[in-house]
Amino acid sequence: MQINETRNIQGVWIDDVGVEGICINGHCYQQPICITNSAVQPVIKSSVTELSAEDFCEAISYHPEIILIGTGSKTRFIDPRLNVELVQHGIGIECMSTDAACSTFSVLLGEGRNVWAWLWPLSD
C-alpha cells in the first residue's frame, strides 16, 4: 500500500519528538508548548497539573474539536473540574503521553480538523 504524506496548509508540522525536544518545522522546543493548526506558543507552566481554566480561554474562543494534553513520558491527568469545564464548551479533551499526543495531533490535523495541543517534553 502506498502512503502519501500530507502536510497542513498552514505549515505546522511535527517532525519528531524525543528527549532532545519536540521538533516542529525544523525547530526543536525543549520547553512546554501549545500548538494550534497554525501556530506554536511557549507555555509558562512547568507541569500539566498547573493548568487552569484561564490557560484555555484563547482555545475556547477558537472552538477546537479537541484539545490534546501531552504530559511528558508518562500520562498524567488534569484536574477533573477543568475537564468538565472544557467539555461543557463542547470541546473534547484527552491526556496522554507526549509522543502519543504528537501522533494524534498529526493525524487529526491531516484530516483537516481544528485541534490544539499542550505538550510537555519527554524528559518531564
C-alpha atoms as a PDB file:
ATOM      1  CA  MET A   1       0.000   0.000   0.000  1.00  0.00           C
ATOM      2  CA  GLN A   2       1.272   3.442  -0.872  1.00  0.00           C
ATOM      3  CA  ILE A   3       1.196   6.030   1.887  1.00  0.00           C
ATOM      4  CA  ASN A   4       1.369   9.683   0.932  1.00  0.00           C
ATOM      5  CA  GLU A   5       2.488  12.338   3.354  1.00  0.00           C
ATOM      6  CA  THR A   6       0.103  15.237   3.769  1.00  0.00           C
ATOM      7  CA  ARG A   7       1.103  18.476   5.423  1.00  0.00           C
ATOM      8  CA  ASN A   8      -1.105  21.128   6.912  1.00  0.00           C
ATOM      9  CA  ILE A   9      -1.507  24.035   4.521  1.00  0.00           C
ATOM     10  CA  GLN A  10      -0.839  26.465   7.387  1.00  0.00           C
ATOM     11  CA  GLY A  11       2.624  24.950   7.759  1.00  0.00           C
ATOM     12  CA  VAL A  12       2.542  23.479  11.297  1.00  0.00           C
ATOM     13  CA  TRP A  13       4.087  20.029  11.207  1.00  0.00           C
ATOM     14  CA  ILE A  14       5.572  17.903  13.989  1.00  0.00           C
ATOM     15  CA  ASP A  15       8.826  16.465  12.658  1.00  0.00           C
ATOM     16  CA  ASP A  16       9.940  14.486  15.699  1.00  0.00           C
ATOM     17  CA  VAL A  17       9.509  14.085  19.431  1.00  0.00           C
ATOM     18  CA  GLY A  18      12.220  12.730  21.698  1.00  0.00           C
ATOM     19  CA  VAL A  19      14.399  13.515  24.675  1.00  0.00           C
ATOM     20  CA  GLU A  20      16.001  16.348  22.665  1.00  0.00           C
ATOM     21  CA  GLY A  21      12.636  18.095  22.434  1.00  0.00           C
ATOM     22  CA  ILE A  22       9.582  18.493  20.253  1.00  0.00           C
ATOM     23  CA  CYS A  23      10.661  19.392  16.719  1.00  0.00           C
ATOM     24  CA  ILE A  24       8.187  21.404  14.655  1.00  0.00           C
ATOM     25  CA  ASN A  25       9.045  22.637  11.181  1.00  0.00           C
ATOM     26  CA  GLY A  26      12.743  22.021  11.843  1.00  0.00           C
ATOM     27  CA  HIS A  27      12.852  23.900  15.174  1.00  0.00           C
ATOM     28  CA  CYS A  28      13.225  21.899  18.408  1.00  0.00           C
ATOM     29  CA  TYR A  29      11.456  23.118  21.521  1.00  0.00           C
ATOM     30  CA  GLN A  30      12.783  21.902  24.850  1.00  0.00           C
ATOM     31  CA  GLN A  31      10.163  23.736  26.908  1.00  0.00           C
ATOM     32  CA  PRO A  32       6.396  23.090  27.087  1.00  0.00           C
ATOM     33  CA  ILE A  33       4.491  24.445  24.097  1.00  0.00           C
ATOM     34  CA  CYS A  34       0.967  24.904  22.819  1.00  0.00           C
ATOM     35  CA  ILE A  35       0.401  24.181  19.143  1.00  0.00           C
ATOM     36  CA  THR A  36      -2.635  25.004  17.057  1.00  0.00           C
ATOM     37  CA  ASN A  37      -3.496  24.446  13.421  1.00  0.00           C
ATOM     38  CA  SER A  38      -1.307  27.432  12.564  1.00  0.00           C
ATOM     39  CA  ALA A  39       0.969  28.475  15.443  1.00  0.00           C
ATOM     40  CA  VAL A  40       3.372  27.392  18.178  1.00  0.00           C
ATOM     41  CA  GLN A  41       3.401  29.242  21.512  1.00  0.00           C
ATOM     42  CA  PRO A  42       5.537  28.681  24.623  1.00  0.00           C
ATOM     43  CA  VAL A  43       3.759  27.524  27.779  1.00  0.00           C
ATOM     44  CA  ILE A  44       4.897  29.022  31.065  1.00  0.00           C
ATOM     45  CA  LYS A  45       3.713  26.125  33.233  1.00  0.00           C
ATOM     46  CA  SER A  46       6.283  23.636  34.478  1.00  0.00           C
ATOM     47  CA  SER A  47       3.721  20.842  34.883  1.00  0.00           C
ATOM     48  CA  VAL A  48       0.368  19.818  33.452  1.00  0.00           C
ATOM     49  CA  THR A  49      -1.031  19.947  36.999  1.00  0.00           C
ATOM     50  CA  GLU A  50      -0.574  23.746  36.937  1.00  0.00           C
ATOM     51  CA  LEU A  51      -3.040  24.235  34.068  1.00  0.00           C
ATOM     52  CA  SER A  52      -6.142  26.239  34.919  1.00  0.00           C
ATOM     53  CA  ALA A  53      -9.296  27.358  33.112  1.00  0.00           C
ATOM     54  CA  GLU A  54      -7.611  30.677  32.239  1.00  0.00           C
ATOM     55  CA  ASP A  55      -4.985  28.792  30.220  1.00  0.00           C
ATOM     56  CA  PHE A  56      -7.710  27.552  27.882  1.00  0.00           C
ATOM     57  CA  CYS A  57      -9.602  30.850  27.319  1.00  0.00           C
ATOM     58  CA  GLU A  58      -7.988  31.520  23.939  1.00  0.00           C
ATOM     59  CA  ALA A  59      -8.516  27.937  22.785  1.00  0.00           C
ATOM     60  CA  ILE A  60     -12.191  28.057  23.785  1.00  0.00           C
ATOM     61  CA  SER A  61     -12.686  31.169  21.645  1.00  0.00           C
ATOM     62  CA  TYR A  62     -11.382  29.256  18.580  1.00  0.00           C
ATOM     63  CA  HIS A  63     -13.711  26.290  19.243  1.00  0.00           C
ATOM     64  CA  PRO A  64     -11.312  23.410  18.622  1.00  0.00           C
ATOM     65  CA  GLU A  65     -12.929  19.995  18.310  1.00  0.00           C
ATOM     66  CA  ILE A  66     -10.394  18.534  20.699  1.00  0.00           C
ATOM     67  CA  ILE A  67      -7.556  19.602  22.963  1.00  0.00           C
ATOM     68  CA  LEU A  68      -4.725  17.135  23.460  1.00  0.00           C
ATOM     69  CA  ILE A  69      -2.535  17.302  26.548  1.00  0.00           C
ATOM     70  CA  GLY A  70       0.861  15.637  26.075  1.00  0.00           C
ATOM     71  CA  THR A  71       2.095  15.095  29.617  1.00  0.00           C
ATOM     72  CA  GLY A  72       5.704  14.041  29.021  1.00  0.00           C
ATOM     73  CA  SER A  73       6.892  10.448  29.077  1.00  0.00           C
ATOM     74  CA  LYS A  74       4.109   9.345  31.441  1.00  0.00           C
ATOM     75  CA  THR A  75       0.390  10.002  31.222  1.00  0.00           C
ATOM     76  CA  ARG A  76      -0.853  12.423  33.866  1.00  0.00           C
ATOM     77  CA  PHE A  77      -4.323  13.912  34.140  1.00  0.00           C
ATOM     78  CA  ILE A  78      -5.573  17.459  34.529  1.00  0.00           C
ATOM     79  CA  ASP A  79      -7.907  18.477  37.330  1.00  0.00           C
ATOM     80  CA  PRO A  80     -11.286  16.774  36.691  1.00  0.00           C
ATOM     81  CA  ARG A  81     -13.094  20.108  37.204  1.00  0.00           C
ATOM     82  CA  LEU A  82     -11.096  21.594  34.329  1.00  0.00           C
ATOM     83  CA  ASN A  83     -12.003  18.626  32.159  1.00  0.00           C
ATOM     84  CA  VAL A  84     -15.713  19.148  32.937  1.00  0.00           C
ATOM     85  CA  GLU A  85     -15.476  22.860  32.107  1.00  0.00           C
ATOM     86  CA  LEU A  86     -13.948  22.207  28.692  1.00  0.00           C
ATOM     87  CA  VAL A  87     -16.494  19.510  27.879  1.00  0.00           C
ATOM     88  CA  GLN A  88     -19.262  21.994  28.749  1.00  0.00           C
ATOM     89  CA  HIS A  89     -17.894  24.197  25.945  1.00  0.00           C
ATOM     90  CA  GLY A  90     -18.250  21.277  23.533  1.00  0.00           C
ATOM     91  CA  ILE A  91     -14.522  20.607  23.405  1.00  0.00           C
ATOM     92  CA  GLY A  92     -13.141  17.106  23.797  1.00  0.00           C
ATOM     93  CA  ILE A  93     -10.012  16.773  25.903  1.00  0.00           C
ATOM     94  CA  GLU A  94      -7.550  13.906  26.078  1.00  0.00           C
ATOM     95  CA  CYS A  95      -4.482  13.478  28.273  1.00  0.00           C
ATOM     96  CA  MET A  96      -1.761  11.117  27.052  1.00  0.00           C
ATOM     97  CA  SER A  97       1.994  10.822  26.770  1.00  0.00           C
ATOM     98  CA  THR A  98       3.581  13.495  24.595  1.00  0.00           C
ATOM     99  CA  ASP A  99       4.646  11.108  21.850  1.00  0.00           C
ATOM    100  CA  ALA A 100       1.069   9.765  21.609  1.00  0.00           C
ATOM    101  CA  ALA A 101      -0.326  13.326  21.628  1.00  0.00           C
ATOM    102  CA  CYS A 102       2.031  14.342  18.793  1.00  0.00           C
ATOM    103  CA  SER A 103       0.956  11.366  16.689  1.00  0.00           C
ATOM    104  CA  THR A 104      -2.717  12.045  17.364  1.00  0.00           C
ATOM    105  CA  PHE A 105      -2.283  15.753  16.599  1.00  0.00           C
ATOM    106  CA  SER A 106      -0.683  14.969  13.240  1.00  0.00           C
ATOM    107  CA  VAL A 107      -3.437  12.532  12.260  1.00  0.00           C
ATOM    108  CA  LEU A 108      -6.241  14.923  13.230  1.00  0.00           C
ATOM    109  CA  LEU A 109      -4.544  17.850  11.521  1.00  0.00           C
ATOM    110  CA  GLY A 110      -4.112  15.746   8.390  1.00  0.00           C
ATOM    111  CA  GLU A 111      -7.872  15.174   8.449  1.00  0.00           C
ATOM    112  CA  GLY A 112      -8.376  18.943   8.440  1.00  0.00           C
ATOM    113  CA  ARG A 113      -9.741  19.061  11.982  1.00  0.00           C
ATOM    114  CA  ASN A 114      -9.413  22.004  14.370  1.00  0.00           C
ATOM    115  CA  VAL A 115      -7.141  20.685  17.111  1.00  0.00           C
ATOM    116  CA  TRP A 116      -4.954  22.253  19.790  1.00  0.00           C
ATOM    117  CA  ALA A 117      -2.272  20.549  21.874  1.00  0.00           C
ATOM    118  CA  TRP A 118      -0.390  21.425  25.027  1.00  0.00           C
ATOM    119  CA  LEU A 119       2.843  19.427  25.008  1.00  0.00           C
ATOM    120  CA  TRP A 120       5.456  18.842  27.688  1.00  0.00           C
ATOM    121  CA  PRO A 121       8.876  17.444  26.716  1.00  0.00           C
ATOM    122  CA  LEU A 122       9.534  13.733  27.252  1.00  0.00           C
ATOM    123  CA  SER A 123      12.253  14.496  29.794  1.00  0.00           C
ATOM    124  CA  ASP A 124       9.474  15.870  32.045  1.00  0.00           C
END
